[in-house]
Amino acid sequence: MKYGSLVFEENEFLMIKKYQEENVTIEDYAHKNVLEILSQHMTIAMRLNAEDIPFDIITINSFIKVSGASGIRQTFQIVAPNEVDIKQNKISVISSLGASVIGRAVGDKISYGLPGDRVSLVITKVTQPNSANKNTTEEIKTKKETIH
């Protein structure tokens, strides 16, 4: 992991914990395993104020691009469980894929899928919608460096 552990905004951390407690639908063994791993990672995760979250961290409502060695390329958005819309590529934060990427950053690798059919993916891009702090952090730093 790029930052050594998962990184969460404090309020989102609490929301995800709540979603996990309310989740009664476990798709399969792999989904249950992913949620258990997420819970374990959350015990040691960094919890930051919203304005301190790095621009490349996957948060709720982030748009994510992933790619794999087999040519897989996928773009999706992480959303709250009640906002899921597969046709618009809106994936629940507590789905297998959502739980695998939440709190991670660009460049991080994940393993996704059922045992025997797992796919290794790399997070290649994260875009933060409607978030000036997260969206412009990189641009501002670049502009300042260019000026000096």
C-alpha atoms as a PDB file:
ATOM      1  CA  MET A   1       0.000   0.000   0.000  1.00  0.00           C
ATOM      2  CA  LYS A   2       1.313   3.380  -1.017  1.00  0.00           C
ATOM      3  CA  TYR A   3       0.681   4.994   2.386  1.00  0.00           C
ATOM      4  CA  GLY A   4       1.488   1.914   4.484  1.00  0.00           C
ATOM      5  CA  SER A   5      -2.133   1.362   5.498  1.00  0.00           C
ATOM      6  CA  LEU A   6      -5.609   2.238   4.311  1.00  0.00           C
ATOM      7  CA  VAL A   7      -6.472   5.942   4.554  1.00  0.00           C
ATOM      8  CA  PHE A   8      -9.956   7.144   5.484  1.00  0.00           C
ATOM      9  CA  GLU A   9     -11.672  10.416   6.131  1.00  0.00           C
ATOM     10  CA  GLU A  10     -12.988  10.182   9.705  1.00  0.00           C
ATOM     11  CA  ASN A  11     -16.716  10.445   8.851  1.00  0.00           C
ATOM     12  CA  GLU A  12     -16.442   7.966   5.983  1.00  0.00           C
ATOM     13  CA  PHE A  13     -14.612   5.538   8.258  1.00  0.00           C
ATOM     14  CA  LEU A  14     -17.604   5.582  10.624  1.00  0.00           C
ATOM     15  CA  MET A  15     -20.083   5.275   7.733  1.00  0.00           C
ATOM     16  CA  ILE A  16     -18.274   2.242   6.325  1.00  0.00           C
ATOM     17  CA  LYS A  17     -18.274   0.603   9.761  1.00  0.00           C
ATOM     18  CA  LYS A  18     -22.041   1.195   9.906  1.00  0.00           C
ATOM     19  CA  TYR A  19     -22.540  -0.258   6.407  1.00  0.00           C
ATOM     20  CA  GLN A  20     -20.564  -3.339   7.423  1.00  0.00           C
ATOM     21  CA  GLU A  21     -22.726  -3.849  10.513  1.00  0.00           C
ATOM     22  CA  GLU A  22     -25.941  -3.438   8.497  1.00  0.00           C
ATOM     23  CA  ASN A  23     -24.808  -5.710   5.656  1.00  0.00           C
ATOM     24  CA  VAL A  24     -26.775  -8.929   5.823  1.00  0.00           C
ATOM     25  CA  THR A  25     -26.204  -9.976   2.215  1.00  0.00           C
ATOM     26  CA  ILE A  26     -22.969 -11.847   1.720  1.00  0.00           C
ATOM     27  CA  GLU A  27     -22.604 -12.769  -1.948  1.00  0.00           C
ATOM     28  CA  ASP A  28     -20.219 -15.687  -1.422  1.00  0.00           C
ATOM     29  CA  TYR A  29     -17.196 -16.855   0.534  1.00  0.00           C
ATOM     30  CA  ALA A  30     -14.885 -14.481  -1.332  1.00  0.00           C
ATOM     31  CA  HIS A  31     -17.120 -11.498  -0.473  1.00  0.00           C
ATOM     32  CA  LYS A  32     -17.172 -12.492   3.201  1.00  0.00           C
ATOM     33  CA  ASN A  33     -13.383 -12.842   3.117  1.00  0.00           C
ATOM     34  CA  VAL A  34     -12.921  -9.392   1.517  1.00  0.00           C
ATOM     35  CA  LEU A  35     -15.132  -7.772   4.170  1.00  0.00           C
ATOM     36  CA  GLU A  36     -13.164  -9.498   6.946  1.00  0.00           C
ATOM     37  CA  ILE A  37      -9.880  -8.302   5.438  1.00  0.00           C
ATOM     38  CA  LEU A  38     -11.283  -4.757   5.154  1.00  0.00           C
ATOM     39  CA  SER A  39     -12.301  -4.889   8.835  1.00  0.00           C
ATOM     40  CA  GLN A  40      -8.806  -6.015   9.815  1.00  0.00           C
ATOM     41  CA  HIS A  41      -7.167  -3.265   7.745  1.00  0.00           C
ATOM     42  CA  MET A  42      -9.514  -0.686   9.261  1.00  0.00           C
ATOM     43  CA  THR A  43      -8.212  -1.442  12.759  1.00  0.00           C
ATOM     44  CA  ILE A  44      -4.826   0.012  11.748  1.00  0.00           C
ATOM     45  CA  ALA A  45      -5.983   2.501   9.109  1.00  0.00           C
ATOM     46  CA  MET A  46      -5.072   6.181   9.098  1.00  0.00           C
ATOM     47  CA  ARG A  47      -8.074   8.355   9.891  1.00  0.00           C
ATOM     48  CA  LEU A  48      -7.729  11.946   8.718  1.00  0.00           C
ATOM     49  CA  ASN A  49      -9.776  15.113   8.457  1.00  0.00           C
ATOM     50  CA  ALA A  50     -11.422  15.577   5.045  1.00  0.00           C
ATOM     51  CA  GLU A  51      -9.063  18.398   4.063  1.00  0.00           C
ATOM     52  CA  ASP A  52      -6.033  16.214   4.816  1.00  0.00           C
ATOM     53  CA  ILE A  53      -6.999  13.265   2.584  1.00  0.00           C
ATOM     54  CA  PRO A  54      -4.477  12.901  -0.277  1.00  0.00           C
ATOM     55  CA  PHE A  55      -5.973  13.491  -3.735  1.00  0.00           C
ATOM     56  CA  ASP A  56      -5.209   9.926  -4.870  1.00  0.00           C
ATOM     57  CA  ILE A  57      -7.017   8.068  -2.057  1.00  0.00           C
ATOM     58  CA  ILE A  58     -10.184   6.185  -2.955  1.00  0.00           C
ATOM     59  CA  THR A  59     -13.099   7.526  -0.947  1.00  0.00           C
ATOM     60  CA  ILE A  60     -16.853   7.159  -1.289  1.00  0.00           C
ATOM     61  CA  ASN A  61     -17.931   8.758  -4.597  1.00  0.00           C
ATOM     62  CA  SER A  62     -14.440   8.476  -6.122  1.00  0.00           C
ATOM     63  CA  PHE A  63     -14.146   7.388  -9.741  1.00  0.00           C
ATOM     64  CA  ILE A  64     -11.560   4.638 -10.109  1.00  0.00           C
ATOM     65  CA  LYS A  65      -9.745   3.149 -13.075  1.00  0.00           C
ATOM     66  CA  VAL A  66      -8.086  -0.234 -12.682  1.00  0.00           C
ATOM     67  CA  SER A  67      -6.152  -2.385 -15.111  1.00  0.00           C
ATOM     68  CA  GLY A  68      -4.801  -5.903 -15.131  1.00  0.00           C
ATOM     69  CA  ALA A  69      -2.061  -7.812 -16.926  1.00  0.00           C
ATOM     70  CA  SER A  70      -4.633  -9.751 -18.947  1.00  0.00           C
ATOM     71  CA  GLY A  71      -5.811  -6.531 -20.601  1.00  0.00           C
ATOM     72  CA  ILE A  72      -8.657  -5.867 -18.190  1.00  0.00           C
ATOM     73  CA  ARG A  73      -9.508  -2.183 -17.900  1.00  0.00           C
ATOM     74  CA  GLN A  74     -12.430  -1.052 -15.815  1.00  0.00           C
ATOM     75  CA  THR A  75     -13.749   2.296 -14.614  1.00  0.00           C
ATOM     76  CA  PHE A  76     -16.296   2.546 -11.828  1.00  0.00           C
ATOM     77  CA  GLN A  77     -17.459   4.736  -8.970  1.00  0.00           C
ATOM     78  CA  ILE A  78     -17.552   3.723  -5.299  1.00  0.00           C
ATOM     79  CA  VAL A  79     -20.883   4.655  -3.699  1.00  0.00           C
ATOM     80  CA  ALA A  80     -22.968   4.015  -0.595  1.00  0.00           C
ATOM     81  CA  PRO A  81     -24.898   0.708  -0.688  1.00  0.00           C
ATOM     82  CA  ASN A  82     -28.219   2.475  -1.361  1.00  0.00           C
ATOM     83  CA  GLU A  83     -26.789   4.249  -4.455  1.00  0.00           C
ATOM     84  CA  VAL A  84     -25.640   1.168  -6.385  1.00  0.00           C
ATOM     85  CA  ASP A  85     -26.405   1.247 -10.116  1.00  0.00           C
ATOM     86  CA  ILE A  86     -24.547  -1.392 -12.096  1.00  0.00           C
ATOM     87  CA  LYS A  87     -25.610   0.128 -15.442  1.00  0.00           C
ATOM     88  CA  GLN A  88     -23.827   3.372 -14.469  1.00  0.00           C
ATOM     89  CA  ASN A  89     -20.839   1.483 -12.974  1.00  0.00           C
ATOM     90  CA  LYS A  90     -21.707   2.572  -9.427  1.00  0.00           C
ATOM     91  CA  ILE A  91     -20.340  -0.092  -7.086  1.00  0.00           C
ATOM     92  CA  SER A  92     -21.110  -0.411  -3.361  1.00  0.00           C
ATOM     93  CA  VAL A  93     -18.310   0.366  -0.951  1.00  0.00           C
ATOM     94  CA  ILE A  94     -19.053  -2.969   0.750  1.00  0.00           C
ATOM     95  CA  SER A  95     -19.216  -5.075  -2.417  1.00  0.00           C
ATOM     96  CA  SER A  96     -16.247  -7.344  -3.071  1.00  0.00           C
ATOM     97  CA  LEU A  97     -14.651  -4.871  -5.482  1.00  0.00           C
ATOM     98  CA  GLY A  98     -15.567  -1.780  -3.448  1.00  0.00           C
ATOM     99  CA  ALA A  99     -14.200  -3.234  -0.215  1.00  0.00           C
ATOM    100  CA  SER A 100     -11.011  -4.228  -2.056  1.00  0.00           C
ATOM    101  CA  VAL A 101     -10.225  -0.679  -3.197  1.00  0.00           C
ATOM    102  CA  ILE A 102     -11.652   1.713  -0.565  1.00  0.00           C
ATOM    103  CA  GLY A 103      -8.915   3.566   1.313  1.00  0.00           C
ATOM    104  CA  ARG A 104      -6.248   2.603  -1.208  1.00  0.00           C
ATOM    105  CA  ALA A 105      -4.347   4.879  -3.597  1.00  0.00           C
ATOM    106  CA  VAL A 106      -3.159   5.124  -7.183  1.00  0.00           C
ATOM    107  CA  GLY A 107      -0.492   2.491  -7.795  1.00  0.00           C
ATOM    108  CA  ASP A 108      -1.826   0.074  -5.189  1.00  0.00           C
ATOM    109  CA  LYS A 109      -2.422  -3.508  -6.310  1.00  0.00           C
ATOM    110  CA  ILE A 110      -5.411  -5.632  -5.367  1.00  0.00           C
ATOM    111  CA  SER A 111      -6.378  -9.235  -5.945  1.00  0.00           C
ATOM    112  CA  TYR A 112     -10.033  -9.609  -6.848  1.00  0.00           C
ATOM    113  CA  GLY A 113     -12.377 -12.541  -7.482  1.00  0.00           C
ATOM    114  CA  LEU A 114     -13.090 -16.062  -6.352  1.00  0.00           C
ATOM    115  CA  PRO A 115     -10.304 -18.453  -5.347  1.00  0.00           C
ATOM    116  CA  GLY A 116      -8.980 -20.111  -8.493  1.00  0.00           C
ATOM    117  CA  ASP A 117     -10.285 -17.222 -10.595  1.00  0.00           C
ATOM    118  CA  ARG A 118      -8.513 -14.279  -8.974  1.00  0.00           C
ATOM    119  CA  VAL A 119      -7.377 -11.317 -11.022  1.00  0.00           C
ATOM    120  CA  SER A 120      -4.585  -8.948 -10.047  1.00  0.00           C
ATOM    121  CA  LEU A 121      -5.468  -5.321 -10.682  1.00  0.00           C
ATOM    122  CA  VAL A 122      -3.580  -2.043 -10.332  1.00  0.00           C
ATOM    123  CA  ILE A 123      -5.364   1.191  -9.435  1.00  0.00           C
ATOM    124  CA  THR A 124      -4.321   3.496 -12.267  1.00  0.00           C
ATOM    125  CA  LYS A 125      -6.411   6.607 -11.646  1.00  0.00           C
ATOM    126  CA  VAL A 126      -8.596   8.153  -8.946  1.00  0.00           C
ATOM    127  CA  THR A 127     -10.797  11.169  -9.573  1.00  0.00           C
ATOM    128  CA  GLN A 128     -12.595  12.990  -6.768  1.00  0.00           C
ATOM    129  CA  PRO A 129     -15.897  14.566  -7.851  1.00  0.00           C
ATOM    130  CA  ASN A 130     -17.070  17.828  -6.297  1.00  0.00           C
ATOM    131  CA  SER A 131     -14.065  18.125  -4.031  1.00  0.00           C
ATOM    132  CA  ALA A 132     -11.879  21.155  -4.601  1.00  0.00           C
ATOM    133  CA  ASN A 133      -9.385  20.129  -1.909  1.00  0.00           C
ATOM    134  CA  LYS A 134      -8.846  16.624  -3.252  1.00  0.00           C
ATOM    135  CA  ASN A 135      -9.136  17.500  -6.920  1.00  0.00           C
ATOM    136  CA  THR A 136      -6.815  20.484  -7.018  1.00  0.00           C
ATOM    137  CA  THR A 137      -4.173  19.510  -4.484  1.00  0.00           C
ATOM    138  CA  GLU A 138      -1.878  18.079  -7.171  1.00  0.00           C
ATOM    139  CA  GLU A 139      -2.536  20.920  -9.610  1.00  0.00           C
ATOM    140  CA  ILE A 140      -1.835  23.596  -7.006  1.00  0.00           C
ATOM    141  CA  LYS A 141       1.432  21.961  -5.965  1.00  0.00           C
ATOM    142  CA  THR A 142       2.506  21.697  -9.595  1.00  0.00           C
ATOM    143  CA  LYS A 143       1.674  25.335 -10.320  1.00  0.00           C
ATOM    144  CA  LYS A 144       3.545  26.550  -7.238  1.00  0.00           C
ATOM    145  CA  GLU A 145       6.593  24.498  -8.159  1.00  0.00           C
ATOM    146  CA  THR A 146       6.509  25.879 -11.714  1.00  0.00           C
ATOM    147  CA  ILE A 147       6.321  29.508 -10.493  1.00  0.00           C
ATOM    148  CA  HIS A 148       9.328  29.161  -8.196  1.00  0.00           C
END
